[in-house]
Amino acid sequence: MEGILTISQREVDRLSIITQVLNKKITPSESASLLKLGERQIFRLVQRVREEGSKGVIHKNRGKKSNRGYPEKLKQRVLELYKKQIVITDQRCLSMSFCRIDSVARH
């Protein structure tokens, strides 16, 4: 045994359906409609499950830091400003306050 594999219910469902495709119980076309994916993606999943086993249905970016996140330095500066008790009424006001006070770029 290699270790413990933690997967979500969605991934369990995917694995079940991909296993049925591998066992020729359902067609890739049927599995595509069940999983609401394209046939091409089903072929990719089938290939990954063949190569990696159950780990093949787990998203590869799980546990990794998002490449769309804000820099840590910016997050810390925003928290500092927030802790200075800036009076805000809504999200837009907060954003405008940060821009005005510290030239924090709005995204």
N, C-alpha and C. Protein backbone atom coordinates (compact mmCIF):
# COMPACT_ATOMS: atom_id res chain seq x y z
N MET A 1 0.84 -1.18 0.00
CA MET A 1 0.00 0.00 0.00
C MET A 1 0.88 1.24 0.00
N GLU A 2 0.63 2.16 -0.95
CA GLU A 2 1.46 3.36 -1.09
C GLU A 2 1.13 4.43 -0.08
N GLY A 3 -0.08 4.49 0.40
CA GLY A 3 -0.47 5.52 1.34
C GLY A 3 -1.96 5.79 1.25
N ILE A 4 -2.38 6.78 1.97
CA ILE A 4 -3.79 7.12 2.00
C ILE A 4 -4.09 8.11 0.88
N LEU A 5 -5.18 7.87 0.19
CA LEU A 5 -5.62 8.73 -0.90
C LEU A 5 -6.93 9.38 -0.49
N THR A 6 -6.95 10.70 -0.42
CA THR A 6 -8.14 11.44 -0.04
C THR A 6 -8.76 12.02 -1.30
N ILE A 7 -10.00 11.62 -1.58
CA ILE A 7 -10.68 12.16 -2.76
C ILE A 7 -12.09 12.60 -2.38
N SER A 8 -12.61 13.56 -3.14
CA SER A 8 -13.94 14.08 -2.88
C SER A 8 -15.00 13.14 -3.44
N GLN A 9 -16.24 13.37 -3.08
CA GLN A 9 -17.34 12.55 -3.59
C GLN A 9 -17.44 12.68 -5.11
N ARG A 10 -17.21 13.88 -5.60
CA ARG A 10 -17.24 14.09 -7.05
C ARG A 10 -16.19 13.23 -7.76
N GLU A 11 -15.01 13.14 -7.16
CA GLU A 11 -13.95 12.33 -7.74
C GLU A 11 -14.26 10.84 -7.62
N VAL A 12 -14.93 10.44 -6.55
CA VAL A 12 -15.36 9.04 -6.41
C VAL A 12 -16.33 8.70 -7.53
N ASP A 13 -17.27 9.61 -7.79
CA ASP A 13 -18.23 9.39 -8.87
C ASP A 13 -17.52 9.29 -10.22
N ARG A 14 -16.57 10.19 -10.44
CA ARG A 14 -15.81 10.16 -11.70
C ARG A 14 -15.06 8.84 -11.85
N LEU A 15 -14.42 8.41 -10.77
CA LEU A 15 -13.65 7.17 -10.82
C LEU A 15 -14.56 5.99 -11.13
N SER A 16 -15.73 5.97 -10.53
CA SER A 16 -16.68 4.89 -10.77
C SER A 16 -17.08 4.83 -12.24
N ILE A 17 -17.39 5.97 -12.81
CA ILE A 17 -17.81 6.01 -14.21
C ILE A 17 -16.65 5.68 -15.15
N ILE A 18 -15.47 6.21 -14.86
CA ILE A 18 -14.29 5.91 -15.69
C ILE A 18 -13.96 4.42 -15.62
N THR A 19 -14.12 3.82 -14.45
CA THR A 19 -13.89 2.38 -14.30
C THR A 19 -14.87 1.59 -15.16
N GLN A 20 -16.11 2.06 -15.23
CA GLN A 20 -17.10 1.40 -16.09
C GLN A 20 -16.71 1.51 -17.57
N VAL A 21 -16.12 2.64 -17.93
CA VAL A 21 -15.64 2.80 -19.31
C VAL A 21 -14.50 1.83 -19.57
N LEU A 22 -13.57 1.72 -18.62
CA LEU A 22 -12.44 0.80 -18.77
C LEU A 22 -12.91 -0.65 -18.88
N ASN A 23 -13.98 -0.98 -18.16
CA ASN A 23 -14.52 -2.34 -18.20
C ASN A 23 -15.52 -2.56 -19.33
N LYS A 24 -15.66 -1.55 -20.19
CA LYS A 24 -16.53 -1.60 -21.37
C LYS A 24 -18.01 -1.81 -21.00
N LYS A 25 -18.41 -1.34 -19.84
CA LYS A 25 -19.82 -1.44 -19.45
C LYS A 25 -20.62 -0.27 -20.00
N ILE A 26 -19.96 0.89 -20.15
CA ILE A 26 -20.60 2.03 -20.80
C ILE A 26 -19.61 2.62 -21.81
N THR A 27 -20.12 3.40 -22.74
CA THR A 27 -19.26 3.99 -23.77
C THR A 27 -18.73 5.33 -23.28
N PRO A 28 -17.64 5.79 -23.88
CA PRO A 28 -17.13 7.12 -23.53
C PRO A 28 -18.17 8.22 -23.76
N SER A 29 -18.98 8.05 -24.77
CA SER A 29 -20.03 9.03 -25.06
C SER A 29 -21.05 9.09 -23.92
N GLU A 30 -21.46 7.93 -23.41
CA GLU A 30 -22.40 7.89 -22.29
C GLU A 30 -21.79 8.49 -21.04
N SER A 31 -20.52 8.17 -20.80
CA SER A 31 -19.86 8.70 -19.61
C SER A 31 -19.69 10.21 -19.72
N ALA A 32 -19.47 10.72 -20.92
CA ALA A 32 -19.33 12.16 -21.12
C ALA A 32 -20.61 12.88 -20.73
N SER A 33 -21.75 12.32 -21.11
CA SER A 33 -23.01 12.97 -20.74
C SER A 33 -23.29 12.82 -19.25
N LEU A 34 -22.91 11.70 -18.64
CA LEU A 34 -23.11 11.52 -17.20
C LEU A 34 -22.27 12.50 -16.38
N LEU A 35 -21.03 12.72 -16.82
CA LEU A 35 -20.12 13.59 -16.08
C LEU A 35 -20.16 15.04 -16.56
N LYS A 36 -20.94 15.28 -17.61
CA LYS A 36 -21.04 16.62 -18.20
C LYS A 36 -19.67 17.13 -18.65
N LEU A 37 -18.95 16.24 -19.33
CA LEU A 37 -17.65 16.55 -19.90
C LEU A 37 -17.67 16.19 -21.38
N GLY A 38 -16.67 16.62 -22.10
CA GLY A 38 -16.55 16.22 -23.49
C GLY A 38 -15.93 14.84 -23.61
N GLU A 39 -16.16 14.19 -24.74
CA GLU A 39 -15.58 12.86 -24.96
C GLU A 39 -14.05 12.89 -24.90
N ARG A 40 -13.49 13.97 -25.41
CA ARG A 40 -12.03 14.10 -25.40
C ARG A 40 -11.50 14.08 -23.97
N GLN A 41 -12.20 14.79 -23.06
CA GLN A 41 -11.78 14.80 -21.65
C GLN A 41 -11.93 13.42 -21.03
N ILE A 42 -12.96 12.68 -21.44
CA ILE A 42 -13.14 11.32 -20.95
C ILE A 42 -11.96 10.45 -21.36
N PHE A 43 -11.52 10.59 -22.61
CA PHE A 43 -10.37 9.81 -23.06
C PHE A 43 -9.12 10.16 -22.25
N ARG A 44 -8.97 11.45 -21.92
CA ARG A 44 -7.82 11.86 -21.10
C ARG A 44 -7.90 11.24 -19.70
N LEU A 45 -9.11 11.27 -19.11
CA LEU A 45 -9.28 10.69 -17.78
C LEU A 45 -9.03 9.18 -17.79
N VAL A 46 -9.53 8.51 -18.81
CA VAL A 46 -9.33 7.07 -18.93
C VAL A 46 -7.83 6.77 -19.01
N GLN A 47 -7.11 7.54 -19.81
CA GLN A 47 -5.67 7.33 -19.95
C GLN A 47 -4.95 7.56 -18.62
N ARG A 48 -5.33 8.62 -17.90
CA ARG A 48 -4.68 8.91 -16.61
C ARG A 48 -4.99 7.84 -15.58
N VAL A 49 -6.21 7.31 -15.58
CA VAL A 49 -6.55 6.24 -14.63
C VAL A 49 -5.79 4.97 -14.98
N ARG A 50 -5.60 4.70 -16.26
CA ARG A 50 -4.79 3.54 -16.66
C ARG A 50 -3.36 3.68 -16.15
N GLU A 51 -2.80 4.88 -16.30
CA GLU A 51 -1.41 5.11 -15.93
C GLU A 51 -1.20 5.25 -14.43
N GLU A 52 -2.09 6.01 -13.76
CA GLU A 52 -1.87 6.37 -12.36
C GLU A 52 -2.79 5.67 -11.37
N GLY A 53 -3.77 4.97 -11.88
CA GLY A 53 -4.75 4.36 -10.99
C GLY A 53 -5.74 5.39 -10.47
N SER A 54 -6.20 5.21 -9.26
CA SER A 54 -7.21 6.09 -8.66
C SER A 54 -6.76 7.54 -8.60
N LYS A 55 -5.46 7.78 -8.50
CA LYS A 55 -4.94 9.15 -8.44
C LYS A 55 -5.21 9.91 -9.73
N GLY A 56 -5.53 9.21 -10.79
CA GLY A 56 -5.75 9.85 -12.09
C GLY A 56 -6.94 10.78 -12.14
N VAL A 57 -7.91 10.61 -11.24
CA VAL A 57 -9.08 11.48 -11.26
C VAL A 57 -8.91 12.72 -10.40
N ILE A 58 -7.84 12.78 -9.62
CA ILE A 58 -7.61 13.93 -8.75
C ILE A 58 -6.98 15.06 -9.55
N HIS A 59 -7.49 16.27 -9.34
CA HIS A 59 -6.98 17.43 -10.06
C HIS A 59 -5.52 17.66 -9.70
N LYS A 60 -4.70 17.94 -10.68
CA LYS A 60 -3.25 18.06 -10.48
C LYS A 60 -2.85 19.29 -9.67
N ASN A 61 -3.69 20.30 -9.62
CA ASN A 61 -3.34 21.50 -8.86
C ASN A 61 -3.78 21.45 -7.40
N ARG A 62 -4.36 20.35 -6.98
CA ARG A 62 -4.80 20.25 -5.59
C ARG A 62 -3.61 20.40 -4.65
N GLY A 63 -3.79 21.26 -3.65
CA GLY A 63 -2.74 21.46 -2.66
C GLY A 63 -1.68 22.47 -3.07
N LYS A 64 -1.74 22.95 -4.29
CA LYS A 64 -0.76 23.92 -4.75
C LYS A 64 -1.32 25.33 -4.62
N LYS A 65 -0.45 26.27 -4.51
CA LYS A 65 -0.84 27.67 -4.42
C LYS A 65 -1.36 28.14 -5.78
N SER A 66 -2.42 28.91 -5.77
CA SER A 66 -3.00 29.42 -7.00
C SER A 66 -2.05 30.38 -7.69
N ASN A 67 -1.98 30.30 -9.00
CA ASN A 67 -1.15 31.24 -9.73
C ASN A 67 -1.90 32.54 -10.01
N ARG A 68 -3.17 32.61 -9.57
CA ARG A 68 -3.96 33.82 -9.75
C ARG A 68 -4.10 34.60 -8.45
N GLY A 69 -3.44 34.16 -7.42
CA GLY A 69 -3.55 34.81 -6.12
C GLY A 69 -2.81 36.13 -6.07
N TYR A 70 -3.10 36.90 -5.03
CA TYR A 70 -2.42 38.16 -4.82
C TYR A 70 -1.10 37.90 -4.10
N PRO A 71 -0.10 38.75 -4.31
CA PRO A 71 1.17 38.58 -3.61
C PRO A 71 0.97 38.67 -2.09
N GLU A 72 1.73 37.93 -1.35
CA GLU A 72 1.61 37.90 0.10
C GLU A 72 1.86 39.27 0.71
N LYS A 73 2.78 40.03 0.14
CA LYS A 73 3.09 41.37 0.64
C LYS A 73 1.86 42.28 0.54
N LEU A 74 1.12 42.18 -0.57
CA LEU A 74 -0.09 42.98 -0.75
C LEU A 74 -1.17 42.56 0.25
N LYS A 75 -1.33 41.27 0.48
CA LYS A 75 -2.32 40.79 1.45
C LYS A 75 -2.03 41.33 2.83
N GLN A 76 -0.76 41.30 3.22
CA GLN A 76 -0.38 41.79 4.54
C GLN A 76 -0.65 43.29 4.67
N ARG A 77 -0.36 44.05 3.61
CA ARG A 77 -0.60 45.50 3.65
C ARG A 77 -2.10 45.80 3.76
N VAL A 78 -2.92 45.06 3.05
CA VAL A 78 -4.36 45.24 3.12
C VAL A 78 -4.85 44.96 4.53
N LEU A 79 -4.36 43.89 5.14
CA LEU A 79 -4.75 43.57 6.52
C LEU A 79 -4.32 44.67 7.49
N GLU A 80 -3.14 45.21 7.29
CA GLU A 80 -2.67 46.30 8.15
C GLU A 80 -3.61 47.49 8.05
N LEU A 81 -3.97 47.85 6.83
CA LEU A 81 -4.88 48.98 6.63
C LEU A 81 -6.25 48.70 7.24
N TYR A 82 -6.71 47.49 7.09
CA TYR A 82 -8.02 47.13 7.64
C TYR A 82 -8.01 47.24 9.16
N LYS A 83 -6.92 46.81 9.75
CA LYS A 83 -6.82 46.85 11.22
C LYS A 83 -6.73 48.28 11.77
N LYS A 84 -6.43 49.25 10.91
CA LYS A 84 -6.38 50.64 11.35
C LYS A 84 -7.78 51.24 11.47
N GLN A 85 -8.78 50.38 11.45
CA GLN A 85 -10.17 50.79 11.66
C GLN A 85 -10.68 51.76 10.60
N ILE A 86 -10.43 51.43 9.35
CA ILE A 86 -11.01 52.21 8.26
C ILE A 86 -12.51 51.98 8.29
N VAL A 87 -13.27 53.05 8.33
CA VAL A 87 -14.72 52.94 8.35
C VAL A 87 -15.20 52.65 6.94
N ILE A 88 -15.87 51.52 6.80
CA ILE A 88 -16.34 51.14 5.48
C ILE A 88 -17.83 50.83 5.52
N THR A 89 -18.47 51.03 4.40
CA THR A 89 -19.89 50.69 4.31
C THR A 89 -20.15 49.54 3.36
N ASP A 90 -19.34 49.40 2.36
CA ASP A 90 -19.48 48.28 1.43
C ASP A 90 -18.13 47.96 0.79
N GLN A 91 -18.13 46.93 -0.05
CA GLN A 91 -16.89 46.44 -0.67
C GLN A 91 -16.24 47.52 -1.55
N ARG A 92 -17.06 48.25 -2.30
CA ARG A 92 -16.51 49.27 -3.20
C ARG A 92 -15.85 50.38 -2.40
N CYS A 93 -16.47 50.74 -1.29
CA CYS A 93 -15.91 51.78 -0.42
C CYS A 93 -14.56 51.32 0.16
N LEU A 94 -14.49 50.07 0.54
CA LEU A 94 -13.24 49.51 1.06
C LEU A 94 -12.14 49.61 0.01
N SER A 95 -12.46 49.20 -1.22
CA SER A 95 -11.49 49.24 -2.30
C SER A 95 -11.04 50.67 -2.57
N MET A 96 -11.97 51.60 -2.61
CA MET A 96 -11.62 53.00 -2.87
C MET A 96 -10.78 53.56 -1.72
N SER A 97 -11.09 53.18 -0.49
CA SER A 97 -10.32 53.65 0.66
C SER A 97 -8.88 53.18 0.57
N PHE A 98 -8.68 51.91 0.22
CA PHE A 98 -7.33 51.38 0.09
C PHE A 98 -6.57 52.11 -1.01
N CYS A 99 -7.22 52.35 -2.12
CA CYS A 99 -6.54 53.02 -3.23
C CYS A 99 -6.16 54.44 -2.84
N ARG A 100 -7.04 55.12 -2.17
CA ARG A 100 -6.79 56.50 -1.78
C ARG A 100 -5.70 56.58 -0.71
N ILE A 101 -5.75 55.70 0.27
CA ILE A 101 -4.84 55.77 1.41
C ILE A 101 -3.44 55.28 1.05
N ASP A 102 -3.36 54.19 0.35
CA ASP A 102 -2.05 53.56 0.19
C ASP A 102 -1.71 53.23 -1.26
N SER A 103 -2.45 53.73 -2.20
CA SER A 103 -2.23 53.45 -3.62
C SER A 103 -2.18 51.96 -3.91
N VAL A 104 -3.06 51.20 -3.25
CA VAL A 104 -3.15 49.77 -3.50
C VAL A 104 -3.94 49.60 -4.79
N ALA A 105 -3.39 48.90 -5.73
CA ALA A 105 -4.05 48.73 -7.03
C ALA A 105 -5.29 47.86 -6.89
N ARG A 106 -6.39 48.31 -7.48
CA ARG A 106 -7.62 47.51 -7.48
C ARG A 106 -7.53 46.49 -8.59
N HIS A 107 -8.04 45.27 -8.31
CA HIS A 107 -8.04 44.21 -9.32
C HIS A 107 -9.44 43.82 -9.61
